[in-house]
PDB file of N, CA and C in Angstrom:
ATOM      1  N   MET A   1       0.842  -1.184   0.000  1.00  0.00           N
ATOM      2  CA  MET A   1       0.000   0.000   0.000  1.00  0.00           C
ATOM      3  C   MET A   1       0.884   1.243   0.000  1.00  0.00           C
ATOM      4  N   ALA A   2       0.268   2.360  -0.110  1.00  0.00           N
ATOM      5  CA  ALA A   2       0.975   3.629  -0.142  1.00  0.00           C
ATOM      6  C   ALA A   2       1.557   3.935   1.232  1.00  0.00           C
ATOM      7  N   SER A   3       2.647   4.670   1.225  1.00  0.00           N
ATOM      8  CA  SER A   3       3.271   5.088   2.470  1.00  0.00           C
ATOM      9  C   SER A   3       2.409   6.144   3.144  1.00  0.00           C
ATOM     10  N   VAL A   4       2.268   6.045   4.458  1.00  0.00           N
ATOM     11  CA  VAL A   4       1.477   7.042   5.178  1.00  0.00           C
ATOM     12  C   VAL A   4       2.363   8.071   5.857  1.00  0.00           C
ATOM     13  N   SER A   5       3.696   7.903   5.759  1.00  0.00           N
ATOM     14  CA  SER A   5       4.574   8.906   6.342  1.00  0.00           C
ATOM     15  C   SER A   5       4.727  10.059   5.363  1.00  0.00           C
ATOM     16  N   GLY A   6       5.095  11.203   5.860  1.00  0.00           N
ATOM     17  CA  GLY A   6       5.276  12.347   4.982  1.00  0.00           C
ATOM     18  C   GLY A   6       4.800  13.599   5.663  1.00  0.00           C
ATOM     19  N   PRO A   7       4.584  14.630   4.880  1.00  0.00           N
ATOM     20  CA  PRO A   7       4.204  15.905   5.479  1.00  0.00           C
ATOM     21  C   PRO A   7       2.853  15.830   6.163  1.00  0.00           C
ATOM     22  N   SER A   8       2.712  16.612   7.246  1.00  0.00           N
ATOM     23  CA  SER A   8       1.441  16.616   7.960  1.00  0.00           C
ATOM     24  C   SER A   8       0.423  17.516   7.277  1.00  0.00           C
ATOM     25  N   THR A   9       0.873  18.395   6.393  1.00  0.00           N
ATOM     26  CA  THR A   9      -0.018  19.270   5.652  1.00  0.00           C
ATOM     27  C   THR A   9      -0.516  18.534   4.411  1.00  0.00           C
ATOM     28  N   PRO A  10      -1.821  18.486   4.180  1.00  0.00           N
ATOM     29  CA  PRO A  10      -2.331  17.772   3.005  1.00  0.00           C
ATOM     30  C   PRO A  10      -1.980  18.495   1.707  1.00  0.00           C
ATOM     31  N   SER A  11      -1.831  17.716   0.653  1.00  0.00           N
ATOM     32  CA  SER A  11      -1.681  18.279  -0.689  1.00  0.00           C
ATOM     33  C   SER A  11      -3.089  18.511  -1.218  1.00  0.00           C
ATOM     34  N   ILE A  12      -3.341  19.683  -1.785  1.00  0.00           N
ATOM     35  CA  ILE A  12      -4.683  20.052  -2.219  1.00  0.00           C
ATOM     36  C   ILE A  12      -4.683  20.352  -3.715  1.00  0.00           C
ATOM     37  N   LEU A  13      -5.586  19.689  -4.439  1.00  0.00           N
ATOM     38  CA  LEU A  13      -5.807  19.990  -5.851  1.00  0.00           C
ATOM     39  C   LEU A  13      -7.221  20.537  -5.960  1.00  0.00           C
ATOM     40  N   SER A  14      -7.348  21.829  -6.219  1.00  0.00           N
ATOM     41  CA  SER A  14      -8.659  22.476  -6.239  1.00  0.00           C
ATOM     42  C   SER A  14      -9.414  22.171  -7.530  1.00  0.00           C
ATOM     43  N   ALA A  15     -10.668  22.573  -7.577  1.00  0.00           N
ATOM     44  CA  ALA A  15     -11.575  22.246  -8.674  1.00  0.00           C
ATOM     45  C   ALA A  15     -11.093  22.755 -10.023  1.00  0.00           C
ATOM     46  N   ASP A  16     -10.270  23.794 -10.059  1.00  0.00           N
ATOM     47  CA  ASP A  16      -9.807  24.335 -11.334  1.00  0.00           C
ATOM     48  C   ASP A  16      -8.518  23.681 -11.835  1.00  0.00           C
ATOM     49  N   VAL A  17      -8.062  22.608 -11.173  1.00  0.00           N
ATOM     50  CA  VAL A  17      -6.823  21.931 -11.555  1.00  0.00           C
ATOM     51  C   VAL A  17      -7.130  20.635 -12.298  1.00  0.00           C
ATOM     52  N   THR A  18      -6.465  20.445 -13.444  1.00  0.00           N
ATOM     53  CA  THR A  18      -6.531  19.193 -14.188  1.00  0.00           C
ATOM     54  C   THR A  18      -5.104  18.701 -14.403  1.00  0.00           C
ATOM     55  N   ILE A  19      -4.858  17.455 -14.044  1.00  0.00           N
ATOM     56  CA  ILE A  19      -3.541  16.851 -14.227  1.00  0.00           C
ATOM     57  C   ILE A  19      -3.683  15.657 -15.145  1.00  0.00           C
ATOM     58  N   GLU A  20      -2.851  15.608 -16.182  1.00  0.00           N
ATOM     59  CA  GLU A  20      -2.786  14.443 -17.051  1.00  0.00           C
ATOM     60  C   GLU A  20      -1.457  13.764 -16.768  1.00  0.00           C
ATOM     61  N   GLY A  21      -1.526  12.665 -16.028  1.00  0.00           N
ATOM     62  CA  GLY A  21      -0.336  11.951 -15.606  1.00  0.00           C
ATOM     63  C   GLY A  21      -0.554  11.380 -14.220  1.00  0.00           C
ATOM     64  N   ASN A  22       0.361  10.543 -13.792  1.00  0.00           N
ATOM     65  CA  ASN A  22       0.233   9.889 -12.490  1.00  0.00           C
ATOM     66  C   ASN A  22       0.594  10.849 -11.365  1.00  0.00           C
ATOM     67  N   VAL A  23      -0.074  10.676 -10.220  1.00  0.00           N
ATOM     68  CA  VAL A  23       0.157  11.525  -9.050  1.00  0.00           C
ATOM     69  C   VAL A  23       0.495  10.633  -7.859  1.00  0.00           C
ATOM     70  N   THR A  24       1.602  10.953  -7.177  1.00  0.00           N
ATOM     71  CA  THR A  24       2.000  10.231  -5.974  1.00  0.00           C
ATOM     72  C   THR A  24       2.184  11.237  -4.843  1.00  0.00           C
ATOM     73  N   VAL A  25       1.511  10.981  -3.723  1.00  0.00           N
ATOM     74  CA  VAL A  25       1.580  11.844  -2.546  1.00  0.00           C
ATOM     75  C   VAL A  25       1.858  10.948  -1.349  1.00  0.00           C
ATOM     76  N   ASN A  26       2.878  11.268  -0.549  1.00  0.00           N
ATOM     77  CA  ASN A  26       3.201  10.433   0.614  1.00  0.00           C
ATOM     78  C   ASN A  26       2.137  10.489   1.686  1.00  0.00           C
ATOM     79  N   GLY A  27       1.513  11.620   1.877  1.00  0.00           N
ATOM     80  CA  GLY A  27       0.516  11.785   2.931  1.00  0.00           C
ATOM     81  C   GLY A  27      -0.889  11.879   2.370  1.00  0.00           C
ATOM     82  N   GLU A  28      -1.611  12.910   2.821  1.00  0.00           N
ATOM     83  CA  GLU A  28      -3.014  13.100   2.433  1.00  0.00           C
ATOM     84  C   GLU A  28      -3.137  13.938   1.166  1.00  0.00           C
ATOM     85  N   LEU A  29      -4.039  13.518   0.290  1.00  0.00           N
ATOM     86  CA  LEU A  29      -4.372  14.271  -0.913  1.00  0.00           C
ATOM     87  C   LEU A  29      -5.837  14.654  -0.847  1.00  0.00           C
ATOM     88  N   GLN A  30      -6.120  15.962  -0.893  1.00  0.00           N
ATOM     89  CA  GLN A  30      -7.490  16.449  -0.978  1.00  0.00           C
ATOM     90  C   GLN A  30      -7.731  16.814  -2.430  1.00  0.00           C
ATOM     91  N   LEU A  31      -8.660  16.107  -3.071  1.00  0.00           N
ATOM     92  CA  LEU A  31      -8.869  16.247  -4.502  1.00  0.00           C
ATOM     93  C   LEU A  31     -10.255  16.783  -4.829  1.00  0.00           C
ATOM     94  N   ASP A  32     -10.287  17.962  -5.407  1.00  0.00           N
ATOM     95  CA  ASP A  32     -11.529  18.528  -5.934  1.00  0.00           C
ATOM     96  C   ASP A  32     -11.405  18.740  -7.436  1.00  0.00           C
ATOM     97  N   GLY A  33     -10.207  18.548  -7.975  1.00  0.00           N
ATOM     98  CA  GLY A  33      -9.952  18.710  -9.396  1.00  0.00           C
ATOM     99  C   GLY A  33     -10.039  17.384 -10.133  1.00  0.00           C
ATOM    100  N   THR A  34      -9.353  17.323 -11.290  1.00  0.00           N
ATOM    101  CA  THR A  34      -9.407  16.162 -12.171  1.00  0.00           C
ATOM    102  C   THR A  34      -8.013  15.602 -12.383  1.00  0.00           C
ATOM    103  N   ILE A  35      -7.889  14.279 -12.250  1.00  0.00           N
ATOM    104  CA  ILE A  35      -6.638  13.586 -12.541  1.00  0.00           C
ATOM    105  C   ILE A  35      -6.926  12.521 -13.578  1.00  0.00           C
ATOM    106  N   LYS A  36      -6.208  12.587 -14.692  1.00  0.00           N
ATOM    107  CA  LYS A  36      -6.286  11.557 -15.731  1.00  0.00           C
ATOM    108  C   LYS A  36      -4.986  10.784 -15.659  1.00  0.00           C
ATOM    109  N   GLY A  37      -4.978   9.789 -14.786  1.00  0.00           N
ATOM    110  CA  GLY A  37      -3.782   9.006 -14.501  1.00  0.00           C
ATOM    111  C   GLY A  37      -3.980   8.301 -13.179  1.00  0.00           C
ATOM    112  N   ASP A  38      -2.994   7.524 -12.777  1.00  0.00           N
ATOM    113  CA  ASP A  38      -3.080   6.776 -11.530  1.00  0.00           C
ATOM    114  C   ASP A  38      -2.752   7.669 -10.343  1.00  0.00           C
ATOM    115  N   VAL A  39      -3.383   7.373  -9.210  1.00  0.00           N
ATOM    116  CA  VAL A  39      -3.165   8.123  -7.968  1.00  0.00           C
ATOM    117  C   VAL A  39      -2.690   7.150  -6.901  1.00  0.00           C
ATOM    118  N   VAL A  40      -1.565   7.473  -6.260  1.00  0.00           N
ATOM    119  CA  VAL A  40      -1.055   6.702  -5.129  1.00  0.00           C
ATOM    120  C   VAL A  40      -0.846   7.690  -3.984  1.00  0.00           C
ATOM    121  N   CYS A  41      -1.487   7.423  -2.834  1.00  0.00           N
ATOM    122  CA  CYS A  41      -1.337   8.321  -1.697  1.00  0.00           C
ATOM    123  C   CYS A  41      -1.619   7.570  -0.398  1.00  0.00           C
ATOM    124  N   GLY A  42      -1.272   8.203   0.709  1.00  0.00           N
ATOM    125  CA  GLY A  42      -1.558   7.614   2.008  1.00  0.00           C
ATOM    126  C   GLY A  42      -3.042   7.681   2.313  1.00  0.00           C
ATOM    127  N   GLU A  43      -3.615   8.871   2.119  1.00  0.00           N
ATOM    128  CA  GLU A  43      -5.048   9.072   2.359  1.00  0.00           C
ATOM    129  C   GLU A  43      -5.599   9.961   1.255  1.00  0.00           C
ATOM    130  N   LEU A  44      -6.734   9.567   0.689  1.00  0.00           N
ATOM    131  CA  LEU A  44      -7.397  10.361  -0.333  1.00  0.00           C
ATOM    132  C   LEU A  44      -8.722  10.863   0.216  1.00  0.00           C
ATOM    133  N   VAL A  45      -8.925  12.179   0.118  1.00  0.00           N
ATOM    134  CA  VAL A  45     -10.211  12.781   0.454  1.00  0.00           C
ATOM    135  C   VAL A  45     -10.688  13.460  -0.826  1.00  0.00           C
ATOM    136  N   MET A  46     -11.680  12.850  -1.484  1.00  0.00           N
ATOM    137  CA  MET A  46     -12.162  13.363  -2.764  1.00  0.00           C
ATOM    138  C   MET A  46     -13.489  14.073  -2.577  1.00  0.00           C
ATOM    139  N   GLY A  47     -13.536  15.335  -3.002  1.00  0.00           N
ATOM    140  CA  GLY A  47     -14.751  16.120  -2.933  1.00  0.00           C
ATOM    141  C   GLY A  47     -15.726  15.736  -4.036  1.00  0.00           C
ATOM    142  N   GLU A  48     -16.924  16.299  -3.991  1.00  0.00           N
ATOM    143  CA  GLU A  48     -17.977  15.986  -4.966  1.00  0.00           C
ATOM    144  C   GLU A  48     -17.576  16.306  -6.397  1.00  0.00           C
ATOM    145  N   HIS A  49     -16.695  17.284  -6.596  1.00  0.00           N
ATOM    146  CA  HIS A  49     -16.274  17.665  -7.941  1.00  0.00           C
ATOM    147  C   HIS A  49     -14.975  16.983  -8.351  1.00  0.00           C
ATOM    148  N   GLY A  50     -14.401  16.190  -7.465  1.00  0.00           N
ATOM    149  CA  GLY A  50     -13.171  15.473  -7.768  1.00  0.00           C
ATOM    150  C   GLY A  50     -13.405  14.347  -8.759  1.00  0.00           C
ATOM    151  N   SER A  51     -12.375  14.068  -9.564  1.00  0.00           N
ATOM    152  CA  SER A  51     -12.511  13.042 -10.592  1.00  0.00           C
ATOM    153  C   SER A  51     -11.162  12.390 -10.863  1.00  0.00           C
ATOM    154  N   VAL A  52     -11.155  11.057 -10.962  1.00  0.00           N
ATOM    155  CA  VAL A  52      -9.959  10.307 -11.341  1.00  0.00           C
ATOM    156  C   VAL A  52     -10.338   9.328 -12.433  1.00  0.00           C
ATOM    157  N   THR A  53      -9.548   9.326 -13.505  1.00  0.00           N
ATOM    158  CA  THR A  53      -9.650   8.303 -14.532  1.00  0.00           C
ATOM    159  C   THR A  53      -8.329   7.551 -14.479  1.00  0.00           C
ATOM    160  N   GLY A  54      -8.333   6.418 -13.799  1.00  0.00           N
ATOM    161  CA  GLY A  54      -7.120   5.640 -13.565  1.00  0.00           C
ATOM    162  C   GLY A  54      -7.267   4.844 -12.291  1.00  0.00           C
ATOM    163  N   THR A  55      -6.203   4.198 -11.884  1.00  0.00           N
ATOM    164  CA  THR A  55      -6.200   3.382 -10.670  1.00  0.00           C
ATOM    165  C   THR A  55      -5.919   4.251  -9.451  1.00  0.00           C
ATOM    166  N   VAL A  56      -6.691   4.041  -8.388  1.00  0.00           N
ATOM    167  CA  VAL A  56      -6.473   4.736  -7.119  1.00  0.00           C
ATOM    168  C   VAL A  56      -5.954   3.717  -6.110  1.00  0.00           C
ATOM    169  N   THR A  57      -4.790   3.995  -5.523  1.00  0.00           N
ATOM    170  CA  THR A  57      -4.197   3.137  -4.503  1.00  0.00           C
ATOM    171  C   THR A  57      -3.906   3.990  -3.278  1.00  0.00           C
ATOM    172  N   ALA A  58      -4.464   3.594  -2.125  1.00  0.00           N
ATOM    173  CA  ALA A  58      -4.276   4.372  -0.900  1.00  0.00           C
ATOM    174  C   ALA A  58      -4.480   3.487   0.316  1.00  0.00           C
ATOM    175  N   ASP A  59      -4.025   3.973   1.456  1.00  0.00           N
ATOM    176  CA  ASP A  59      -4.280   3.269   2.710  1.00  0.00           C
ATOM    177  C   ASP A  59      -5.728   3.492   3.130  1.00  0.00           C
ATOM    178  N   SER A  60      -6.210   4.735   2.974  1.00  0.00           N
ATOM    179  CA  SER A  60      -7.612   5.032   3.286  1.00  0.00           C
ATOM    180  C   SER A  60      -8.124   6.080   2.306  1.00  0.00           C
ATOM    181  N   ALA A  61      -9.437   6.060   2.085  1.00  0.00           N
ATOM    182  CA  ALA A  61     -10.027   7.024   1.156  1.00  0.00           C
ATOM    183  C   ALA A  61     -11.475   7.291   1.511  1.00  0.00           C
ATOM    184  N   THR A  62     -11.876   8.541   1.328  1.00  0.00           N
ATOM    185  CA  THR A  62     -13.272   8.955   1.392  1.00  0.00           C
ATOM    186  C   THR A  62     -13.589   9.526   0.026  1.00  0.00           C
ATOM    187  N   ILE A  63     -14.555   8.914  -0.650  1.00  0.00           N
ATOM    188  CA  ILE A  63     -14.872   9.283  -2.026  1.00  0.00           C
ATOM    189  C   ILE A  63     -16.243   9.938  -2.088  1.00  0.00           C
ATOM    190  N   ARG A  64     -16.281  11.145  -2.632  1.00  0.00           N
ATOM    191  CA  ARG A  64     -17.540  11.861  -2.864  1.00  0.00           C
ATOM    192  C   ARG A  64     -17.719  12.180  -4.349  1.00  0.00           C
ATOM    193  N   GLY A  65     -16.664  11.995  -5.144  1.00  0.00           N
ATOM    194  CA  GLY A  65     -16.665  12.350  -6.559  1.00  0.00           C
ATOM    195  C   GLY A  65     -16.736  11.132  -7.466  1.00  0.00           C
ATOM    196  N   ASN A  66     -16.063  11.223  -8.622  1.00  0.00           N
ATOM    197  CA  ASN A  66     -16.140  10.194  -9.654  1.00  0.00           C
ATOM    198  C   ASN A  66     -14.794   9.507  -9.878  1.00  0.00           C
ATOM    199  N   ILE A  67     -14.845   8.187  -9.992  1.00  0.00           N
ATOM    200  CA  ILE A  67     -13.655   7.409 -10.328  1.00  0.00           C
ATOM    201  C   ILE A  67     -14.016   6.454 -11.455  1.00  0.00           C
ATOM    202  N   LYS A  68     -13.175   6.440 -12.490  1.00  0.00           N
ATOM    203  CA  LYS A  68     -13.284   5.455 -13.566  1.00  0.00           C
ATOM    204  C   LYS A  68     -11.983   4.673 -13.554  1.00  0.00           C
ATOM    205  N   GLY A  69     -12.012   3.496 -12.933  1.00  0.00           N
ATOM    206  CA  GLY A  69     -10.813   2.669 -12.823  1.00  0.00           C
ATOM    207  C   GLY A  69     -10.821   1.885 -11.536  1.00  0.00           C
ATOM    208  N   GLU A  70      -9.785   1.074 -11.361  1.00  0.00           N
ATOM    209  CA  GLU A  70      -9.673   0.253 -10.150  1.00  0.00           C
ATOM    210  C   GLU A  70      -9.419   1.104  -8.918  1.00  0.00           C
ATOM    211  N   VAL A  71      -9.950   0.632  -7.800  1.00  0.00           N
ATOM    212  CA  VAL A  71      -9.733   1.284  -6.510  1.00  0.00           C
ATOM    213  C   VAL A  71      -9.162   0.230  -5.570  1.00  0.00           C
ATOM    214  N   LYS A  72      -7.947   0.470  -5.071  1.00  0.00           N
ATOM    215  CA  LYS A  72      -7.270  -0.449  -4.153  1.00  0.00           C
ATOM    216  C   LYS A  72      -6.970   0.329  -2.874  1.00  0.00           C
ATOM    217  N   VAL A  73      -7.877   0.228  -1.914  1.00  0.00           N
ATOM    218  CA  VAL A  73      -7.793   1.021  -0.694  1.00  0.00           C
ATOM    219  C   VAL A  73      -8.095   0.128   0.498  1.00  0.00           C
ATOM    220  N   ARG A  74      -7.242   0.184   1.515  1.00  0.00           N
ATOM    221  CA  ARG A  74      -7.445  -0.657   2.690  1.00  0.00           C
ATOM    222  C   ARG A  74      -8.752  -0.301   3.396  1.00  0.00           C
ATOM    223  N   VAL A  75      -8.976   0.970   3.715  1.00  0.00           N
ATOM    224  CA  VAL A  75     -10.208   1.414   4.375  1.00  0.00           C
ATOM    225  C   VAL A  75     -10.896   2.402   3.437  1.00  0.00           C
ATOM    226  N   LEU A  76     -12.059   2.002   2.913  1.00  0.00           N
ATOM    227  CA  LEU A  76     -12.743   2.788   1.887  1.00  0.00           C
ATOM    228  C   LEU A  76     -14.121   3.225   2.366  1.00  0.00           C
ATOM    229  N   ARG A  77     -14.371   4.529   2.246  1.00  0.00           N
ATOM    230  CA  ARG A  77     -15.687   5.096   2.560  1.00  0.00           C
ATOM    231  C   ARG A  77     -16.217   5.742   1.281  1.00  0.00           C
ATOM    232  N   VAL A  78     -17.365   5.272   0.823  1.00  0.00           N
ATOM    233  CA  VAL A  78     -17.983   5.789  -0.393  1.00  0.00           C
ATOM    234  C   VAL A  78     -19.245   6.533   0.023  1.00  0.00           C
ATOM    235  N   GLU A  79     -19.261   7.837  -0.200  1.00  0.00           N
ATOM    236  CA  GLU A  79     -20.397   8.649   0.234  1.00  0.00           C
ATOM    237  C   GLU A  79     -21.446   8.767  -0.861  1.00  0.00           C
ATOM    238  N   LYS A  80     -22.623   9.275  -0.518  1.00  0.00           N
ATOM    239  CA  LYS A  80     -23.802   9.227  -1.386  1.00  0.00           C
ATOM    240  C   LYS A  80     -23.626   9.905  -2.733  1.00  0.00           C
ATOM    241  N   SER A  81     -22.746  10.885  -2.850  1.00  0.00           N
ATOM    242  CA  SER A  81     -22.552  11.588  -4.121  1.00  0.00           C
ATOM    243  C   SER A  81     -21.539  10.890  -5.038  1.00  0.00           C
ATOM    244  N   ALA A  82     -20.925   9.814  -4.569  1.00  0.00           N
ATOM    245  CA  ALA A  82     -19.863   9.136  -5.329  1.00  0.00           C
ATOM    246  C   ALA A  82     -20.415   8.313  -6.489  1.00  0.00           C
ATOM    247  N   VAL A  83     -19.622   8.269  -7.566  1.00  0.00           N
ATOM    248  CA  VAL A  83     -19.898   7.411  -8.711  1.00  0.00           C
ATOM    249  C   VAL A  83     -18.579   6.708  -9.035  1.00  0.00           C
ATOM    250  N   ILE A  84     -18.562   5.377  -8.892  1.00  0.00           N
ATOM    251  CA  ILE A  84     -17.353   4.611  -9.164  1.00  0.00           C
ATOM    252  C   ILE A  84     -17.665   3.560 -10.219  1.00  0.00           C
ATOM    253  N   ASN A  85     -16.919   3.616 -11.321  1.00  0.00           N
ATOM    254  CA  ASN A  85     -17.020   2.630 -12.389  1.00  0.00           C
ATOM    255  C   ASN A  85     -15.698   1.886 -12.454  1.00  0.00           C
ATOM    256  N   GLY A  86     -15.627   0.762 -11.766  1.00  0.00           N
ATOM    257  CA  GLY A  86     -14.398  -0.028 -11.725  1.00  0.00           C
ATOM    258  C   GLY A  86     -14.433  -0.954 -10.537  1.00  0.00           C
ATOM    259  N   ASP A  87     -13.508  -1.876 -10.517  1.00  0.00           N
ATOM    260  CA  ASP A  87     -13.452  -2.858  -9.444  1.00  0.00           C
ATOM    261  C   ASP A  87     -12.892  -2.234  -8.167  1.00  0.00           C
ATOM    262  N   LEU A  88     -13.472  -2.643  -7.022  1.00  0.00           N
ATOM    263  CA  LEU A  88     -13.032  -2.171  -5.707  1.00  0.00           C
ATOM    264  C   LEU A  88     -12.330  -3.309  -4.973  1.00  0.00           C
ATOM    265  N   TYR A  89     -11.135  -3.038  -4.493  1.00  0.00           N
ATOM    266  CA  TYR A  89     -10.394  -3.988  -3.660  1.00  0.00           C
ATOM    267  C   TYR A  89     -10.136  -3.283  -2.339  1.00  0.00           C
ATOM    268  N   GLN A  90     -10.642  -3.849  -1.244  1.00  0.00           N
ATOM    269  CA  GLN A  90     -10.582  -3.180   0.050  1.00  0.00           C
ATOM    270  C   GLN A  90     -10.596  -4.201   1.175  1.00  0.00           C
ATOM    271  N   GLU A  91     -10.219  -3.757   2.377  1.00  0.00           N
ATOM    272  CA  GLU A  91     -10.333  -4.581   3.583  1.00  0.00           C
ATOM    273  C   GLU A  91     -11.562  -4.184   4.382  1.00  0.00           C
ATOM    274  N   SER A  92     -11.895  -2.881   4.343  1.00  0.00           N
ATOM    275  CA  SER A  92     -13.039  -2.360   5.076  1.00  0.00           C
ATOM    276  C   SER A  92     -13.779  -1.401   4.153  1.00  0.00           C
ATOM    277  N   LEU A  93     -15.093  -1.628   3.981  1.00  0.00           N
ATOM    278  CA  LEU A  93     -15.875  -0.836   3.040  1.00  0.00           C
ATOM    279  C   LEU A  93     -17.128  -0.301   3.709  1.00  0.00           C
ATOM    280  N   SER A  94     -17.381   1.003   3.507  1.00  0.00           N
ATOM    281  CA  SER A  94     -18.600   1.647   3.977  1.00  0.00           C
ATOM    282  C   SER A  94     -19.198   2.394   2.789  1.00  0.00           C
ATOM    283  N   VAL A  95     -20.461   2.113   2.487  1.00  0.00           N
ATOM    284  CA  VAL A  95     -21.123   2.742   1.345  1.00  0.00           C
ATOM    285  C   VAL A  95     -22.414   3.399   1.819  1.00  0.00           C
ATOM    286  N   GLU A  96     -22.558   4.699   1.567  1.00  0.00           N
ATOM    287  CA  GLU A  96     -23.789   5.398   1.912  1.00  0.00           C
ATOM    288  C   GLU A  96     -24.848   5.138   0.848  1.00  0.00           C
ATOM    289  N   ALA A  97     -26.104   5.154   1.259  1.00  0.00           N
ATOM    290  CA  ALA A  97     -27.215   5.027   0.326  1.00  0.00           C
ATOM    291  C   ALA A  97     -27.137   6.153  -0.692  1.00  0.00           C
ATOM    292  N   GLY A  98     -27.316   5.810  -1.956  1.00  0.00           N
ATOM    293  CA  GLY A  98     -27.269   6.795  -3.029  1.00  0.00           C
ATOM    294  C   GLY A  98     -25.995   6.741  -3.847  1.00  0.00           C
ATOM    295  N   ALA A  99     -24.929   6.155  -3.303  1.00  0.00           N
ATOM    296  CA  ALA A  99     -23.686   6.018  -4.065  1.00  0.00           C
ATOM    297  C   ALA A  99     -23.923   5.072  -5.234  1.00  0.00           C
ATOM    298  N   LYS A 100     -23.216   5.316  -6.343  1.00  0.00           N
ATOM    299  CA  LYS A 100     -23.368   4.484  -7.530  1.00  0.00           C
ATOM    300  C   LYS A 100     -22.068   3.732  -7.787  1.00  0.00           C
ATOM    301  N   LEU A 101     -22.158   2.396  -7.706  1.00  0.00           N
ATOM    302  CA  LEU A 101     -20.987   1.539  -7.892  1.00  0.00           C
ATOM    303  C   LEU A 101     -21.248   0.577  -9.039  1.00  0.00           C
ATOM    304  N   THR A 102     -20.319   0.515  -9.987  1.00  0.00           N
ATOM    305  CA  THR A 102     -20.392  -0.435 -11.078  1.00  0.00           C
ATOM    306  C   THR A 102     -19.055  -1.158 -11.140  1.00  0.00           C
ATOM    307  N   GLY A 103     -19.067  -2.451 -10.879  1.00  0.00           N
ATOM    308  CA  GLY A 103     -17.833  -3.227 -10.877  1.00  0.00           C
ATOM    309  C   GLY A 103     -17.888  -4.296  -9.810  1.00  0.00           C
ATOM    310  N   ARG A 104     -16.800  -5.007  -9.684  1.00  0.00           N
ATOM    311  CA  ARG A 104     -16.713  -6.060  -8.673  1.00  0.00           C
ATOM    312  C   ARG A 104     -16.152  -5.486  -7.379  1.00  0.00           C
ATOM    313  N   ILE A 105     -16.531  -6.124  -6.278  1.00  0.00           N
ATOM    314  CA  ILE A 105     -15.997  -5.759  -4.971  1.00  0.00           C
ATOM    315  C   ILE A 105     -15.316  -6.995  -4.416  1.00  0.00           C
ATOM    316  N   ALA A 106     -14.043  -6.850  -4.038  1.00  0.00           N
ATOM    317  CA  ALA A 106     -13.286  -7.992  -3.527  1.00  0.00           C
ATOM    318  C   ALA A 106     -12.395  -7.541  -2.380  1.00  0.00           C
ATOM    319  N   ASP A 107     -11.987  -8.503  -1.584  1.00  0.00           N
ATOM    320  CA  ASP A 107     -11.077  -8.234  -0.480  1.00  0.00           C
ATOM    321  C   ASP A 107      -9.708  -7.867  -1.051  1.00  0.00           C
ATOM    322  N   LEU A 108      -9.051  -6.905  -0.460  1.00  0.00           N
ATOM    323  CA  LEU A 108      -7.756  -6.433  -0.919  1.00  0.00           C
ATOM    324  C   LEU A 108      -6.717  -7.544  -0.935  1.00  0.00           C
ATOM    325  N   SER A 109      -6.841  -8.517  -0.041  1.00  0.00           N
ATOM    326  CA  SER A 109      -5.867  -9.612  -0.002  1.00  0.00           C
ATOM    327  C   SER A 109      -5.890 -10.423  -1.295  1.00  0.00           C
ATOM    328  N   THR A 110      -6.995 -10.377  -2.057  1.00  0.00           N
ATOM    329  CA  THR A 110      -7.074 -11.051  -3.357  1.00  0.00           C
ATOM    330  C   THR A 110      -6.027 -10.479  -4.299  1.00  0.00           C
ATOM    331  N   VAL A 111      -5.895  -9.164  -4.331  1.00  0.00           N
ATOM    332  CA  VAL A 111      -4.908  -8.505  -5.181  1.00  0.00           C
ATOM    333  C   VAL A 111      -3.503  -8.821  -4.682  1.00  0.00           C
ATOM    334  N   THR A 112      -3.306  -8.778  -3.374  1.00  0.00           N
ATOM    335  CA  THR A 112      -2.004  -9.039  -2.785  1.00  0.00           C
ATOM    336  C   THR A 112      -1.534 -10.456  -3.104  1.00  0.00           C
ATOM    337  N   ARG A 113      -2.421 -11.442  -2.954  1.00  0.00           N
ATOM    338  CA  ARG A 113      -2.060 -12.833  -3.260  1.00  0.00           C
ATOM    339  C   ARG A 113      -1.756 -13.008  -4.746  1.00  0.00           C
ATOM    340  N   ALA A 114      -2.554 -12.395  -5.598  1.00  0.00           N
ATOM    341  CA  ALA A 114      -2.333 -12.510  -7.050  1.00  0.00           C
ATOM    342  C   ALA A 114      -0.996 -11.885  -7.447  1.00  0.00           C
ATOM    343  N   ALA A 115      -0.641 -10.742  -6.853  1.00  0.00           N
ATOM    344  CA  ALA A 115       0.629 -10.094  -7.150  1.00  0.00           C
ATOM    345  C   ALA A 115       1.796 -10.939  -6.673  1.00  0.00           C
ATOM    346  N   ALA A 116       1.668 -11.536  -5.489  1.00  0.00           N
ATOM    347  CA  ALA A 116       2.719 -12.386  -4.950  1.00  0.00           C
ATOM    348  C   ALA A 116       2.907 -13.625  -5.825  1.00  0.00           C
ATOM    349  N   LYS A 117       1.816 -14.217  -6.271  1.00  0.00           N
ATOM    350  CA  LYS A 117       1.882 -15.404  -7.133  1.00  0.00           C
ATOM    351  C   LYS A 117       2.530 -15.062  -8.462  1.00  0.00           C
ATOM    352  N   SER A 118       2.157 -13.915  -9.046  1.00  0.00           N
ATOM    353  CA  SER A 118       2.717 -13.490 -10.316  1.00  0.00           C
ATOM    354  C   SER A 118       4.213 -13.216 -10.196  1.00  0.00           C
ATOM    355  N   ALA A 119       4.649 -12.627  -9.091  1.00  0.00           N
ATOM    356  CA  ALA A 119       6.074 -12.327  -8.881  1.00  0.00           C
ATOM    357  C   ALA A 119       6.871 -13.600  -8.703  1.00  0.00           C
ATOM    358  N   ALA A 120       6.273 -14.639  -8.130  1.00  0.00           N
ATOM    359  CA  ALA A 120       6.964 -15.903  -7.883  1.00  0.00           C
ATOM    360  C   ALA A 120       7.146 -16.714  -9.165  1.00  0.00           C
ATOM    361  N   GLU A 121       6.338 -16.447 -10.168  1.00  0.00           N
ATOM    362  CA  GLU A 121       6.401 -17.230 -11.424  1.00  0.00           C
ATOM    363  C   GLU A 121       7.470 -16.738 -12.349  1.00  0.00           C
TER     364      GLU A 121
END
């Protein structure tokens, strides 16, 4: 999973920011803008206007915006305004009524075991 050590001040991408490319943050990322690429961070806090097209990998995440791609988060909270189109891999999942999820939901250890098996071959 992503490293949770790093600066105590969160990195903030406001609604007027669009990034095309991968984003890696050691600590917390507050996302209200758009990322077209993979996101790796310790903690993701996505606002209602936040958007990711790519894989999201984090230790914990609260999602209020849109994700198109895989989500690999140990502790995942999906709030009512969220729209996720992609597979979810998590250890702990909380979904509010009204959230829209399209994809498979599996335990995060499934991904970990598959990666370990692939590396051993």
